[in-house]
Amino acid sequence: MPDLTICIACRGNGLGLWSTVEGCEADLEHSGISYNYSIVQNGDKKPDNGTLILLNYLHESGKLAFKEVRKEPMSPPSARQLASAHADGNVLAFLDNHVIVHRDYFKRAMLDFEQYGCDMLHSTTQFHPGNKLYYHYSLLLDTQFWGTSSLFTPTHKPYKIAAGGHGGFFVTRASWEEVGGYGPDELFEGYAGEELTTDLKYWMLGKTVWLDPKMVHSHYVGVREYKRHYTDDYYINLMVSANVIGGPAYLDRVAKYFCKVPRALSERTIYDLMQIAYRRSNVYAKELASKRLMDLPQLLQFFQRECIEH
């Protein structure tokens, strides 16, 4: 059983996957960390030849625990969930295929798990070379039920956060299996929502979420192969998150906020989208409510009392 499995859901230009894997290989060389990859090529009718060559190379070198090449797209969290289901490392690293890890990324992560007993660990994001760093999320639960990245860190040591995001995080495999990962595959479609939901779910179920300010990855912000902000899926996903974590009261609050903001052209109203979000998430929301140790108001009070960044 390896120390680490790197789970990558990739889509589009094969250069992204190649860059991510090359960065991992350079950082893991001589690290003493045993590792492999679990990769889902997600939704390309004709996969990039370079991607297929790379997957074949990883397979022949014994570094590929699992691969799946899918012509029809899955949502990003579903693709990551599939990769994680076939991962056998004690720690799982989730990386988008448009990130490059910085020096000692994996070494720092494994030491943090050993020293701090993290269940989930986020890395710090840099969107442009040499530019500012982005740390934990500052929560925006009363509006779109998401967060905005803080440009300030309270310490240079690893610290507890409510949530974080942007393409790179680690979990212990045991905790990921215990909380059920992102949840049911049908919970999220398209972009947004899964990061905050999963992080807050970790806390609700008695787990801890951390960020290491010195563990950095670069995150490419170019055009994706799929639509992102302000689509119907975007609004539905954030309302799903509101219902799963906060319940119907937060779902209603977020829907009312979305009625006031610009949207991409759609034939469906926010009320229509709210109904879809409720139907998609209500069973899972009730399941989580039966297991959680704290509801959302109690959790926010806990964050304040424990000085957890949120």
Protein backbone atom coordinates (compact mmCIF):
# COMPACT_ATOMS: atom_id res chain seq x y z
CA MET A 1 0.00 0.00 0.00
CA PRO A 2 1.59 3.34 -1.04
CA ASP A 3 1.85 6.39 1.18
CA LEU A 4 0.04 8.53 -1.38
CA THR A 5 -2.32 8.30 -4.35
CA ILE A 6 -2.61 11.38 -6.57
CA CYS A 7 -6.14 11.63 -7.98
CA ILE A 8 -6.48 13.71 -11.15
CA ALA A 9 -9.63 14.38 -13.15
CA CYS A 10 -8.48 15.77 -16.49
CA ARG A 11 -10.27 17.26 -19.45
CA GLY A 12 -9.18 19.09 -22.58
CA ASN A 13 -5.66 19.79 -23.82
CA GLY A 14 -3.29 17.00 -22.78
CA LEU A 15 -0.59 19.54 -21.99
CA GLY A 16 -2.41 20.27 -18.73
CA LEU A 17 -2.20 16.69 -17.49
CA TRP A 18 1.38 16.38 -18.69
CA SER A 19 2.40 19.55 -16.81
CA THR A 20 0.67 18.44 -13.61
CA VAL A 21 2.22 14.97 -13.66
CA GLU A 22 5.67 16.30 -14.57
CA GLY A 23 5.49 18.70 -11.64
CA CYS A 24 4.50 15.88 -9.30
CA GLU A 25 7.30 13.66 -10.57
CA ALA A 26 9.92 16.38 -10.10
CA ASP A 27 8.77 17.06 -6.55
CA LEU A 28 8.45 13.40 -5.54
CA GLU A 29 11.84 12.31 -6.92
CA HIS A 30 14.11 11.27 -4.02
CA SER A 31 11.36 12.21 -1.53
CA GLY A 32 11.11 8.74 -0.02
CA ILE A 33 7.33 8.89 -0.46
CA SER A 34 5.75 5.88 -2.16
CA TYR A 35 3.00 6.94 -4.55
CA ASN A 36 0.84 6.20 -7.54
CA TYR A 37 -1.80 7.93 -9.69
CA SER A 38 -5.52 7.44 -10.24
CA ILE A 39 -6.58 9.36 -13.35
CA VAL A 40 -9.95 9.91 -14.99
CA GLN A 41 -9.86 11.38 -18.50
CA ASN A 42 -13.22 13.06 -18.36
CA GLY A 43 -15.41 13.79 -21.35
CA ASP A 44 -13.26 14.07 -24.45
CA LYS A 45 -14.76 12.54 -27.61
CA LYS A 46 -11.27 12.10 -29.03
CA PRO A 47 -8.66 12.16 -26.23
CA ASP A 48 -5.44 14.01 -26.91
CA ASN A 49 -2.79 11.60 -28.18
CA GLY A 50 -0.26 13.01 -25.72
CA THR A 51 -2.62 12.13 -22.86
CA LEU A 52 -2.91 8.52 -24.03
CA ILE A 53 0.87 8.25 -24.37
CA LEU A 54 1.34 9.61 -20.85
CA LEU A 55 -1.27 7.24 -19.38
CA ASN A 56 0.42 4.32 -21.12
CA TYR A 57 3.82 5.38 -19.78
CA LEU A 58 2.51 5.63 -16.21
CA HIS A 59 0.90 2.20 -16.58
CA GLU A 60 4.10 0.59 -17.87
CA SER A 61 6.16 2.22 -15.11
CA GLY A 62 3.87 0.76 -12.44
CA LYS A 63 2.74 4.18 -11.22
CA LEU A 64 -0.86 4.01 -12.42
CA ALA A 65 -3.29 2.52 -9.90
CA PHE A 66 -6.31 3.29 -12.08
CA LYS A 67 -7.26 5.01 -15.30
CA GLU A 68 -10.53 5.57 -17.09
CA VAL A 69 -10.98 7.35 -20.40
CA ARG A 70 -14.56 8.59 -20.72
CA LYS A 71 -16.02 10.10 -23.86
CA GLU A 72 -19.05 11.54 -22.06
CA PRO A 73 -18.30 14.19 -19.41
CA MET A 74 -18.93 13.76 -15.71
CA SER A 75 -19.08 16.64 -13.25
CA PRO A 76 -15.61 17.44 -11.83
CA PRO A 77 -16.49 16.11 -8.34
CA SER A 78 -17.91 12.89 -9.81
CA ALA A 79 -14.72 12.37 -11.82
CA ARG A 80 -12.57 12.97 -8.74
CA GLN A 81 -14.80 10.66 -6.72
CA LEU A 82 -14.34 7.93 -9.32
CA ALA A 83 -10.57 8.38 -9.17
CA SER A 84 -10.63 8.20 -5.37
CA ALA A 85 -12.72 5.01 -5.37
CA HIS A 86 -9.78 3.20 -6.99
CA ALA A 87 -7.05 4.82 -4.89
CA ASP A 88 -5.13 2.73 -2.37
CA GLY A 89 -2.79 5.29 -0.77
CA ASN A 90 -3.04 6.15 2.91
CA VAL A 91 -3.33 9.79 1.84
CA LEU A 92 -5.16 11.02 -1.26
CA ALA A 93 -4.05 14.14 -3.11
CA PHE A 94 -6.62 15.75 -5.42
CA LEU A 95 -5.12 17.89 -8.17
CA ASP A 96 -6.80 19.53 -11.13
CA ASN A 97 -4.98 19.02 -14.42
CA HIS A 98 -4.22 22.73 -14.69
CA VAL A 99 -2.00 23.02 -11.60
CA ILE A 100 1.74 22.74 -10.99
CA VAL A 101 3.01 22.01 -7.48
CA HIS A 102 5.83 24.04 -6.01
CA ARG A 103 8.94 22.72 -4.31
CA ASP A 104 8.52 20.28 -1.38
CA TYR A 105 4.75 20.24 -1.88
CA PHE A 106 4.27 16.58 -1.09
CA LYS A 107 6.95 16.41 1.58
CA ARG A 108 5.27 19.24 3.49
CA ALA A 109 1.86 17.63 3.15
CA MET A 110 2.96 14.27 4.52
CA LEU A 111 4.77 15.94 7.42
CA ASP A 112 1.68 18.03 8.21
CA PHE A 113 -0.49 14.92 8.40
CA GLU A 114 2.02 13.31 10.73
CA GLN A 115 2.58 16.35 12.93
CA TYR A 116 -0.90 17.92 13.14
CA GLY A 117 -3.23 14.97 12.64
CA CYS A 118 -5.11 16.67 9.80
CA ASP A 119 -8.05 14.96 8.15
CA MET A 120 -8.09 17.38 5.21
CA LEU A 121 -5.26 19.70 4.15
CA HIS A 122 -5.46 22.52 1.62
CA SER A 123 -2.57 24.12 -0.18
CA THR A 124 -2.03 27.80 -0.98
CA THR A 125 -2.83 29.00 -4.50
CA GLN A 126 -0.86 31.22 -6.84
CA PHE A 127 -2.66 32.15 -10.05
CA HIS A 128 0.17 34.03 -11.77
CA PRO A 129 3.93 33.39 -11.43
CA GLY A 130 5.50 35.63 -8.81
CA ASN A 131 2.14 37.18 -7.94
CA LYS A 132 0.12 37.22 -4.71
CA LEU A 133 -0.91 34.10 -2.82
CA TYR A 134 -4.47 33.06 -1.95
CA TYR A 135 -5.16 31.26 1.30
CA HIS A 136 -8.35 30.08 3.07
CA TYR A 137 -11.92 30.98 2.15
CA SER A 138 -13.70 33.83 3.89
CA LEU A 139 -17.24 32.45 3.98
CA LEU A 140 -20.14 34.18 2.21
CA LEU A 141 -22.95 31.97 3.46
CA ASP A 142 -25.68 34.63 3.63
CA THR A 143 -25.34 35.50 -0.05
CA GLN A 144 -24.22 32.93 -2.64
CA PHE A 145 -23.19 30.28 -0.06
CA TRP A 146 -19.60 30.20 -1.16
CA GLY A 147 -16.43 32.02 -0.16
CA THR A 148 -13.78 34.41 -1.34
CA SER A 149 -10.08 33.64 -0.97
CA SER A 150 -8.19 35.55 1.68
CA LEU A 151 -4.98 37.29 0.65
CA PHE A 152 -3.75 37.22 4.24
CA THR A 153 -2.63 34.36 6.43
CA PRO A 154 -2.67 34.61 10.24
CA THR A 155 0.50 32.54 10.59
CA HIS A 156 3.29 30.98 8.58
CA LYS A 157 2.58 27.60 10.15
CA PRO A 158 -0.27 25.24 9.16
CA TYR A 159 -3.57 26.42 10.66
CA LYS A 160 -7.19 25.30 10.89
CA ILE A 161 -9.63 26.72 8.36
CA ALA A 162 -13.34 26.34 7.70
CA ALA A 163 -12.79 25.81 3.98
CA GLY A 164 -10.45 26.38 1.06
CA GLY A 165 -10.27 25.63 -2.64
CA HIS A 166 -8.69 26.14 -6.07
CA GLY A 167 -7.49 22.84 -7.38
CA GLY A 168 -5.31 21.18 -4.77
CA PHE A 169 -6.03 19.44 -1.47
CA PHE A 170 -5.25 16.26 0.50
CA VAL A 171 -7.31 13.95 2.70
CA THR A 172 -6.61 10.81 4.65
CA ARG A 173 -8.24 7.96 2.76
CA ALA A 174 -9.87 6.76 5.98
CA SER A 175 -11.61 10.10 6.56
CA TRP A 176 -12.66 10.41 2.91
CA GLU A 177 -14.30 7.01 3.01
CA GLU A 178 -15.94 7.73 6.36
CA VAL A 179 -17.60 10.99 5.23
CA GLY A 180 -18.51 9.56 1.83
CA GLY A 181 -16.35 11.93 -0.19
CA TYR A 182 -18.35 14.52 -2.09
CA GLY A 183 -21.57 12.60 -1.58
CA PRO A 184 -23.84 11.04 -4.26
CA ASP A 185 -22.75 11.48 -7.88
CA GLU A 186 -25.98 13.26 -8.78
CA LEU A 187 -25.51 15.93 -6.09
CA PHE A 188 -23.42 18.30 -8.23
CA GLU A 189 -23.49 18.84 -11.97
CA GLY A 190 -21.03 21.17 -13.63
CA TYR A 191 -19.02 23.75 -11.75
CA ALA A 192 -19.09 25.01 -8.12
CA GLY A 193 -20.36 23.98 -4.73
CA GLU A 194 -18.56 20.74 -3.93
CA GLU A 195 -15.51 22.26 -2.22
CA LEU A 196 -17.31 24.26 0.45
CA THR A 197 -19.90 21.54 1.03
CA THR A 198 -17.26 18.88 1.61
CA ASP A 199 -15.07 21.03 3.86
CA LEU A 200 -17.96 22.07 6.10
CA LYS A 201 -19.25 18.49 6.10
CA TYR A 202 -15.86 17.37 7.40
CA TRP A 203 -16.21 19.72 10.37
CA MET A 204 -19.84 18.71 10.99
CA LEU A 205 -18.78 15.07 11.20
CA GLY A 206 -15.99 15.74 13.68
CA LYS A 207 -13.06 16.01 11.27
CA THR A 208 -10.51 18.81 10.92
CA VAL A 209 -9.56 20.93 7.92
CA TRP A 210 -6.20 22.70 7.67
CA LEU A 211 -4.18 24.87 5.29
CA ASP A 212 -0.40 25.06 4.99
CA PRO A 213 0.57 28.57 3.83
CA LYS A 214 3.99 27.37 2.66
CA MET A 215 2.62 24.50 0.59
CA VAL A 216 1.90 26.21 -2.74
CA HIS A 217 0.54 25.20 -6.12
CA SER A 218 0.15 27.28 -9.26
CA HIS A 219 -3.33 27.27 -10.78
CA TYR A 220 -3.91 28.09 -14.44
CA VAL A 221 -6.90 30.41 -14.91
CA GLY A 222 -7.32 30.10 -18.67
CA VAL A 223 -10.40 29.08 -20.65
CA ARG A 224 -11.89 25.74 -19.62
CA GLU A 225 -13.53 23.14 -21.84
CA TYR A 226 -16.78 23.66 -19.93
CA LYS A 227 -18.88 26.66 -18.83
CA ARG A 228 -18.33 27.82 -15.27
CA HIS A 229 -19.86 30.89 -13.60
CA TYR A 230 -23.48 32.05 -13.84
CA THR A 231 -24.87 29.00 -15.61
CA ASP A 232 -27.96 27.20 -14.35
CA ASP A 233 -25.73 24.45 -12.96
CA TYR A 234 -23.66 27.05 -11.08
CA TYR A 235 -26.73 28.43 -9.27
CA ILE A 236 -28.22 24.98 -8.65
CA ASN A 237 -24.96 23.68 -7.17
CA LEU A 238 -24.61 26.57 -4.75
CA MET A 239 -28.23 26.14 -3.64
CA VAL A 240 -27.57 22.40 -3.23
CA SER A 241 -24.67 23.32 -0.96
CA ALA A 242 -26.89 25.71 1.02
CA ASN A 243 -29.53 23.02 1.54
CA VAL A 244 -27.11 20.21 2.43
CA ILE A 245 -25.14 22.27 4.93
CA GLY A 246 -27.64 24.89 6.15
CA GLY A 247 -31.05 23.39 5.39
CA PRO A 248 -34.17 24.93 3.78
CA ALA A 249 -33.77 28.28 5.55
CA TYR A 250 -30.37 28.84 3.92
CA LEU A 251 -31.63 27.51 0.61
CA ASP A 252 -34.40 30.12 0.66
CA ARG A 253 -31.99 32.87 1.70
CA VAL A 254 -29.54 32.09 -1.10
CA ALA A 255 -32.32 31.83 -3.71
CA LYS A 256 -33.57 35.30 -2.73
CA TYR A 257 -30.05 36.68 -3.11
CA PHE A 258 -29.67 35.10 -6.56
CA CYS A 259 -32.86 36.83 -7.69
CA LYS A 260 -30.99 40.13 -7.34
CA VAL A 261 -27.80 39.32 -9.29
CA PRO A 262 -27.07 39.10 -13.05
CA ARG A 263 -27.46 35.72 -14.73
CA ALA A 264 -26.55 34.08 -18.00
CA LEU A 265 -29.48 33.80 -20.40
CA SER A 266 -31.83 31.04 -19.24
CA GLU A 267 -35.46 30.07 -19.74
CA ARG A 268 -35.69 28.94 -16.11
CA THR A 269 -36.28 31.21 -13.12
CA ILE A 270 -34.32 31.10 -9.89
CA TYR A 271 -37.42 29.58 -8.31
CA ASP A 272 -37.25 26.76 -10.90
CA LEU A 273 -33.58 26.21 -10.09
CA MET A 274 -34.30 26.25 -6.36
CA GLN A 275 -36.84 23.46 -6.82
CA ILE A 276 -34.29 21.40 -8.76
CA ALA A 277 -31.68 22.01 -6.03
CA TYR A 278 -34.11 20.95 -3.32
CA ARG A 279 -35.18 17.76 -5.08
CA ARG A 280 -31.59 16.82 -5.85
CA SER A 281 -30.24 17.38 -2.36
CA ASN A 282 -33.05 16.90 0.16
CA VAL A 283 -32.55 13.17 0.80
CA TYR A 284 -28.82 13.63 1.28
CA ALA A 285 -29.35 16.72 3.45
CA LYS A 286 -31.56 14.70 5.79
CA GLU A 287 -29.02 11.87 5.85
CA LEU A 288 -26.24 14.28 6.84
CA ALA A 289 -28.45 15.94 9.46
CA SER A 290 -28.94 12.56 11.15
CA LYS A 291 -25.16 12.05 11.43
CA ARG A 292 -23.70 15.50 12.06
CA LEU A 293 -22.42 16.59 15.46
CA MET A 294 -23.27 20.28 14.89
CA ASP A 295 -25.68 22.18 12.68
CA LEU A 296 -24.48 25.23 10.76
CA PRO A 297 -25.19 27.92 13.43
CA GLN A 298 -23.42 25.78 16.03
CA LEU A 299 -20.54 25.20 13.62
CA LEU A 300 -20.09 28.94 13.00
CA GLN A 301 -20.06 29.55 16.75
CA PHE A 302 -17.48 26.78 17.09
CA PHE A 303 -15.27 28.44 14.46
CA GLN A 304 -15.42 31.74 16.36
CA ARG A 305 -14.73 30.12 19.72
CA GLU A 306 -11.80 28.10 18.38
CA CYS A 307 -10.45 30.99 16.26
CA ILE A 308 -10.74 28.93 13.08
CA GLU A 309 -10.30 31.05 9.97
CA HIS A 310 -13.55 31.48 8.09
